């Protein structure tokens, strides 16, 4: 007769088992979420470091650009003072003027020789 008896769990036992199963699943989810949270924090830290490096690089590039602008301005001033900043037309006019002066000197020199 004992063979035919089935043990039927009580309603409380069924609820308890369901609760334990549900609790176990939630614990696993919590563990996964905590791991994910840790990975996200690491990603944020890495991105902050990269952003910091990029800002430093940007500042360095801006400083270099400012320095180049200053050097360029100084170079342009020097070129104007020396005369290197002239256009080809300005150079041609200056060359023609110098040729004319040289021709005048040569004529004066020849006239002086003729008079002597």
N, C-alpha and C. Protein backbone atom coordinates (compact mmCIF):
# COMPACT_ATOMS: atom_id res chain seq x y z
N UNK A 1 0.80 -1.16 0.00
CA UNK A 1 0.00 0.00 0.00
C UNK A 1 0.86 1.25 0.00
N UNK A 2 1.96 1.19 0.67
CA UNK A 2 2.85 2.32 0.69
C UNK A 2 3.39 2.63 -0.68
N UNK A 3 3.41 1.63 -1.53
CA UNK A 3 3.91 1.85 -2.88
C UNK A 3 3.02 2.80 -3.66
N UNK A 4 1.78 2.78 -3.39
CA UNK A 4 0.83 3.57 -4.16
C UNK A 4 0.62 4.98 -3.62
N UNK A 5 1.21 5.24 -2.52
CA UNK A 5 1.04 6.57 -1.94
C UNK A 5 2.01 7.55 -2.61
N UNK A 6 1.50 8.62 -3.03
CA UNK A 6 2.32 9.68 -3.62
C UNK A 6 2.42 10.82 -2.63
N UNK A 7 3.58 11.37 -2.61
CA UNK A 7 3.75 12.52 -1.73
C UNK A 7 3.43 13.74 -2.57
N UNK A 8 2.44 14.41 -2.20
CA UNK A 8 2.04 15.63 -2.89
C UNK A 8 2.55 16.79 -2.07
N UNK A 9 3.37 17.61 -2.69
CA UNK A 9 3.91 18.74 -1.93
C UNK A 9 2.78 19.73 -1.60
N UNK A 10 2.94 20.32 -0.50
CA UNK A 10 1.93 21.29 -0.09
C UNK A 10 2.07 22.57 -0.92
N UNK A 11 1.08 23.37 -0.86
CA UNK A 11 1.09 24.63 -1.62
C UNK A 11 2.24 25.51 -1.16
N UNK A 12 2.52 25.48 0.11
CA UNK A 12 3.62 26.26 0.66
C UNK A 12 4.96 25.78 0.11
N UNK A 13 5.12 24.46 0.01
CA UNK A 13 6.35 23.90 -0.56
C UNK A 13 6.50 24.32 -2.02
N UNK A 14 5.44 24.30 -2.77
CA UNK A 14 5.48 24.69 -4.19
C UNK A 14 5.86 26.16 -4.30
N UNK A 15 5.28 26.98 -3.50
CA UNK A 15 5.60 28.41 -3.51
C UNK A 15 7.05 28.64 -3.11
N UNK A 16 7.49 27.88 -2.11
CA UNK A 16 8.88 27.99 -1.64
C UNK A 16 9.85 27.61 -2.74
N UNK A 17 9.58 26.52 -3.46
CA UNK A 17 10.44 26.07 -4.56
C UNK A 17 10.45 27.11 -5.69
N UNK A 18 9.28 27.62 -6.03
CA UNK A 18 9.20 28.67 -7.07
C UNK A 18 10.00 29.91 -6.66
N UNK A 19 9.86 30.27 -5.38
CA UNK A 19 10.58 31.43 -4.89
C UNK A 19 12.09 31.20 -4.97
N UNK A 20 12.56 30.04 -4.56
CA UNK A 20 13.99 29.74 -4.60
C UNK A 20 14.51 29.75 -6.03
N UNK A 21 13.75 29.19 -6.95
CA UNK A 21 14.14 29.21 -8.37
C UNK A 21 14.21 30.65 -8.87
N UNK A 22 13.19 31.42 -8.58
CA UNK A 22 13.13 32.81 -9.02
C UNK A 22 14.27 33.62 -8.38
N UNK A 23 14.53 33.36 -7.10
CA UNK A 23 15.60 34.03 -6.37
C UNK A 23 16.96 33.69 -6.99
N UNK A 24 17.15 32.43 -7.34
CA UNK A 24 18.40 32.00 -7.96
C UNK A 24 18.61 32.70 -9.31
N UNK A 25 17.56 32.80 -10.10
CA UNK A 25 17.65 33.48 -11.39
C UNK A 25 17.98 34.96 -11.21
N UNK A 26 17.35 35.56 -10.21
CA UNK A 26 17.62 36.98 -9.95
C UNK A 26 19.07 37.19 -9.49
N UNK A 27 19.58 36.28 -8.67
CA UNK A 27 20.96 36.40 -8.23
C UNK A 27 21.92 36.31 -9.41
N UNK A 28 21.63 35.40 -10.34
CA UNK A 28 22.47 35.29 -11.55
C UNK A 28 22.41 36.57 -12.37
N UNK A 29 21.21 37.13 -12.50
CA UNK A 29 21.05 38.38 -13.25
C UNK A 29 21.83 39.51 -12.58
N UNK A 30 21.73 39.55 -11.24
CA UNK A 30 22.45 40.59 -10.49
C UNK A 30 23.95 40.45 -10.71
N UNK A 31 24.45 39.23 -10.67
CA UNK A 31 25.89 39.00 -10.90
C UNK A 31 26.29 39.48 -12.29
N UNK A 32 25.48 39.13 -13.31
CA UNK A 32 25.78 39.56 -14.69
C UNK A 32 25.75 41.09 -14.79
N UNK A 33 24.76 41.70 -14.16
CA UNK A 33 24.66 43.16 -14.20
C UNK A 33 25.84 43.83 -13.50
N UNK A 34 26.27 43.25 -12.38
CA UNK A 34 27.42 43.81 -11.68
C UNK A 34 28.69 43.69 -12.52
N UNK A 35 28.85 42.54 -13.20
CA UNK A 35 30.00 42.38 -14.11
C UNK A 35 29.94 43.41 -15.23
N UNK A 36 28.74 43.55 -15.81
CA UNK A 36 28.57 44.50 -16.89
C UNK A 36 28.86 45.92 -16.41
N UNK A 37 28.40 46.23 -15.20
CA UNK A 37 28.65 47.55 -14.61
C UNK A 37 30.15 47.78 -14.45
N UNK A 38 30.88 46.76 -13.99
CA UNK A 38 32.32 46.88 -13.82
C UNK A 38 33.00 47.13 -15.18
N UNK A 39 32.58 46.39 -16.21
CA UNK A 39 33.15 46.56 -17.54
C UNK A 39 32.86 47.96 -18.09
N UNK A 40 31.64 48.42 -17.83
CA UNK A 40 31.29 49.77 -18.29
C UNK A 40 32.12 50.83 -17.59
N UNK A 41 32.37 50.63 -16.30
CA UNK A 41 33.22 51.58 -15.57
C UNK A 41 34.63 51.58 -16.16
N UNK A 42 35.13 50.39 -16.48
CA UNK A 42 36.45 50.31 -17.10
C UNK A 42 36.45 51.02 -18.44
N UNK A 43 35.40 50.81 -19.23
CA UNK A 43 35.30 51.48 -20.53
C UNK A 43 35.27 53.00 -20.36
N UNK A 44 34.53 53.47 -19.36
CA UNK A 44 34.45 54.91 -19.10
C UNK A 44 35.82 55.44 -18.72
N UNK A 45 36.54 54.71 -17.87
CA UNK A 45 37.87 55.14 -17.46
C UNK A 45 38.81 55.22 -18.67
N UNK A 46 38.74 54.21 -19.53
CA UNK A 46 39.59 54.20 -20.72
C UNK A 46 39.23 55.39 -21.62
N UNK A 47 37.95 55.64 -21.80
CA UNK A 47 37.53 56.75 -22.65
C UNK A 47 37.93 58.09 -22.05
N UNK A 48 37.88 58.21 -20.73
CA UNK A 48 38.32 59.45 -20.08
C UNK A 48 39.81 59.68 -20.34
N UNK A 49 40.60 58.59 -20.23
CA UNK A 49 42.04 58.71 -20.49
C UNK A 49 42.29 59.12 -21.94
N UNK A 50 41.56 58.50 -22.86
CA UNK A 50 41.73 58.84 -24.27
C UNK A 50 41.33 60.30 -24.52
N UNK A 51 40.25 60.74 -23.90
CA UNK A 51 39.81 62.14 -24.06
C UNK A 51 40.87 63.09 -23.52
N UNK A 52 41.46 62.71 -22.39
CA UNK A 52 42.50 63.55 -21.79
C UNK A 52 43.71 63.65 -22.72
N UNK A 53 44.11 62.51 -23.30
CA UNK A 53 45.23 62.50 -24.26
C UNK A 53 44.91 63.37 -25.46
N UNK A 54 43.68 63.24 -25.97
CA UNK A 54 43.28 64.03 -27.14
C UNK A 54 43.29 65.53 -26.82
N UNK A 55 42.84 65.90 -25.62
CA UNK A 55 42.86 67.31 -25.24
C UNK A 55 44.29 67.83 -25.17
N UNK A 56 45.18 67.01 -24.58
CA UNK A 56 46.59 67.42 -24.51
C UNK A 56 47.16 67.59 -25.91
N UNK A 57 46.85 66.62 -26.78
CA UNK A 57 47.33 66.70 -28.16
C UNK A 57 46.79 67.91 -28.87
N UNK A 58 45.51 68.20 -28.66
CA UNK A 58 44.89 69.36 -29.29
C UNK A 58 45.55 70.65 -28.81
N UNK A 59 45.79 70.74 -27.50
CA UNK A 59 46.45 71.92 -26.95
C UNK A 59 47.85 72.09 -27.54
N UNK A 60 48.57 70.98 -27.67
CA UNK A 60 49.92 71.04 -28.24
C UNK A 60 49.87 71.51 -29.68
N UNK A 61 48.92 70.98 -30.45
CA UNK A 61 48.78 71.38 -31.85
C UNK A 61 48.43 72.86 -31.95
N UNK A 62 47.54 73.33 -31.07
CA UNK A 62 47.17 74.75 -31.09
C UNK A 62 48.36 75.63 -30.74
N UNK A 63 49.17 75.19 -29.76
CA UNK A 63 50.38 75.95 -29.41
C UNK A 63 51.34 75.99 -30.59
N UNK A 64 51.53 74.84 -31.24
CA UNK A 64 52.41 74.78 -32.40
C UNK A 64 51.91 75.68 -33.52
N UNK A 65 50.60 75.69 -33.73
CA UNK A 65 50.01 76.53 -34.76
C UNK A 65 50.24 78.00 -34.44
N UNK A 66 50.02 78.38 -33.20
CA UNK A 66 50.26 79.77 -32.79
C UNK A 66 51.72 80.15 -33.01
N UNK A 67 52.61 79.24 -32.66
CA UNK A 67 54.04 79.48 -32.84
C UNK A 67 54.37 79.64 -34.33
N UNK A 68 53.79 78.78 -35.15
CA UNK A 68 54.02 78.89 -36.60
C UNK A 68 53.48 80.20 -37.16
N UNK A 69 52.32 80.62 -36.67
CA UNK A 69 51.77 81.90 -37.13
C UNK A 69 52.70 83.05 -36.77
N UNK A 70 53.21 83.02 -35.54
CA UNK A 70 54.14 84.06 -35.10
C UNK A 70 55.40 84.04 -35.96
N UNK A 71 55.96 82.85 -36.18
CA UNK A 71 57.16 82.73 -37.02
C UNK A 71 56.89 83.22 -38.45
N UNK A 72 55.71 82.90 -38.96
CA UNK A 72 55.35 83.32 -40.32
C UNK A 72 55.29 84.84 -40.41
N UNK A 73 54.66 85.46 -39.39
CA UNK A 73 54.58 86.92 -39.39
C UNK A 73 55.97 87.54 -39.35
N UNK A 74 56.84 87.00 -38.50
CA UNK A 74 58.22 87.51 -38.42
C UNK A 74 58.94 87.33 -39.75
N UNK A 75 58.73 86.19 -40.39
CA UNK A 75 59.36 85.93 -41.68
C UNK A 75 58.88 86.92 -42.73
N UNK A 76 57.57 87.18 -42.75
CA UNK A 76 57.01 88.13 -43.72
C UNK A 76 57.61 89.52 -43.52
N UNK A 77 57.75 89.93 -42.25
CA UNK A 77 58.35 91.24 -41.96
C UNK A 77 59.79 91.26 -42.44
N UNK A 78 60.53 90.21 -42.15
CA UNK A 78 61.93 90.13 -42.59
C UNK A 78 62.03 90.17 -44.11
N UNK A 79 61.13 89.44 -44.76
CA UNK A 79 61.15 89.42 -46.23
C UNK A 79 60.88 90.82 -46.80
N UNK A 80 59.94 91.55 -46.17
CA UNK A 80 59.66 92.91 -46.65
C UNK A 80 60.87 93.82 -46.45
N UNK A 81 61.52 93.66 -45.29
CA UNK A 81 62.69 94.49 -45.00
C UNK A 81 63.79 94.19 -46.00
N UNK A 82 64.03 92.94 -46.29
CA UNK A 82 65.11 92.54 -47.19
C UNK A 82 64.71 92.75 -48.65
N UNK A 83 63.42 92.70 -48.90
CA UNK A 83 62.96 92.89 -50.28
C UNK A 83 62.61 91.60 -50.97
N UNK A 84 62.54 90.52 -50.25
CA UNK A 84 62.23 89.23 -50.87
C UNK A 84 60.74 89.06 -51.14
N UNK A 85 59.94 89.93 -50.59
CA UNK A 85 58.50 89.77 -50.74
C UNK A 85 57.93 90.47 -51.96
N UNK A 86 58.80 90.84 -52.90
CA UNK A 86 58.35 91.58 -54.08
C UNK A 86 57.76 90.63 -55.12
N UNK A 87 56.84 91.20 -55.90
CA UNK A 87 56.28 90.43 -57.01
C UNK A 87 57.27 90.46 -58.17
N UNK A 88 57.03 89.59 -59.16
CA UNK A 88 57.94 89.56 -60.32
C UNK A 88 57.90 90.89 -61.07
N UNK A 89 56.74 91.54 -61.11
CA UNK A 89 56.65 92.86 -61.77
C UNK A 89 57.49 93.89 -61.05
N UNK A 90 57.47 93.86 -59.72
CA UNK A 90 58.30 94.79 -58.94
C UNK A 90 59.78 94.52 -59.18
N UNK A 91 60.15 93.25 -59.24
CA UNK A 91 61.55 92.91 -59.51
C UNK A 91 61.96 93.39 -60.91
N UNK A 92 61.06 93.19 -61.90
CA UNK A 92 61.38 93.62 -63.27
C UNK A 92 61.57 95.14 -63.34
N UNK A 93 60.69 95.89 -62.64
CA UNK A 93 60.84 97.35 -62.61
C UNK A 93 62.16 97.76 -61.96
N UNK A 94 62.48 97.10 -60.84
CA UNK A 94 63.72 97.44 -60.15
C UNK A 94 64.94 97.12 -61.01
N UNK A 95 64.90 95.98 -61.70
CA UNK A 95 66.01 95.60 -62.58
C UNK A 95 66.14 96.62 -63.72
N UNK A 96 65.03 97.03 -64.28
CA UNK A 96 65.06 98.01 -65.37
C UNK A 96 65.62 99.34 -64.89
N UNK A 97 65.22 99.76 -63.67
CA UNK A 97 65.75 101.00 -63.11
C UNK A 97 67.27 100.90 -62.93
N UNK A 98 67.73 99.76 -62.42
CA UNK A 98 69.17 99.58 -62.21
C UNK A 98 69.92 99.58 -63.55
N UNK A 99 69.31 98.97 -64.57
CA UNK A 99 69.94 98.99 -65.91
C UNK A 99 70.02 100.42 -66.43
N UNK A 100 68.93 101.17 -66.24
CA UNK A 100 68.95 102.56 -66.69
C UNK A 100 70.03 103.36 -65.98
N UNK A 101 70.17 103.17 -64.68
CA UNK A 101 71.22 103.86 -63.91
C UNK A 101 72.60 103.46 -64.42
N UNK A 102 72.77 102.17 -64.68
CA UNK A 102 74.07 101.69 -65.18
C UNK A 102 74.36 102.30 -66.54
N UNK A 103 73.34 102.38 -67.41
CA UNK A 103 73.54 103.00 -68.73
C UNK A 103 73.92 104.46 -68.59
N UNK A 104 73.29 105.20 -67.69
CA UNK A 104 73.61 106.61 -67.47
C UNK A 104 75.04 106.78 -66.97
N UNK A 105 75.45 105.92 -66.04
CA UNK A 105 76.83 105.98 -65.53
C UNK A 105 77.84 105.72 -66.65
N UNK A 106 77.50 104.73 -67.48
CA UNK A 106 78.40 104.40 -68.59
C UNK A 106 78.52 105.58 -69.55
N UNK A 107 77.40 106.23 -69.83
CA UNK A 107 77.43 107.40 -70.73
C UNK A 107 78.27 108.50 -70.12
N UNK A 108 78.09 108.77 -68.81
CA UNK A 108 78.86 109.81 -68.14
C UNK A 108 80.34 109.47 -68.17
N UNK A 109 80.62 108.19 -67.97
CA UNK A 109 82.02 107.76 -67.99
C UNK A 109 82.63 107.98 -69.37
N UNK A 110 81.87 107.65 -70.42
CA UNK A 110 82.37 107.85 -71.79
C UNK A 110 82.53 109.33 -72.09
N UNK A 111 81.58 110.16 -71.63
CA UNK A 111 81.68 111.60 -71.84
C UNK A 111 82.89 112.16 -71.13
N UNK A 112 83.15 111.68 -69.94
CA UNK A 112 84.31 112.14 -69.20
C UNK A 112 85.59 111.76 -69.92
N UNK A 113 85.63 110.56 -70.48
CA UNK A 113 86.81 110.11 -71.20
C UNK A 113 87.02 110.96 -72.46
N UNK A 114 85.91 111.29 -73.14
CA UNK A 114 86.01 112.10 -74.36
C UNK A 114 86.53 113.49 -74.02
N UNK A 115 86.07 114.05 -72.92
CA UNK A 115 86.51 115.38 -72.52
C UNK A 115 87.96 115.38 -72.11
N UNK A 116 88.42 114.30 -71.56
CA UNK A 116 89.83 114.24 -71.13
C UNK A 116 90.66 113.99 -72.34
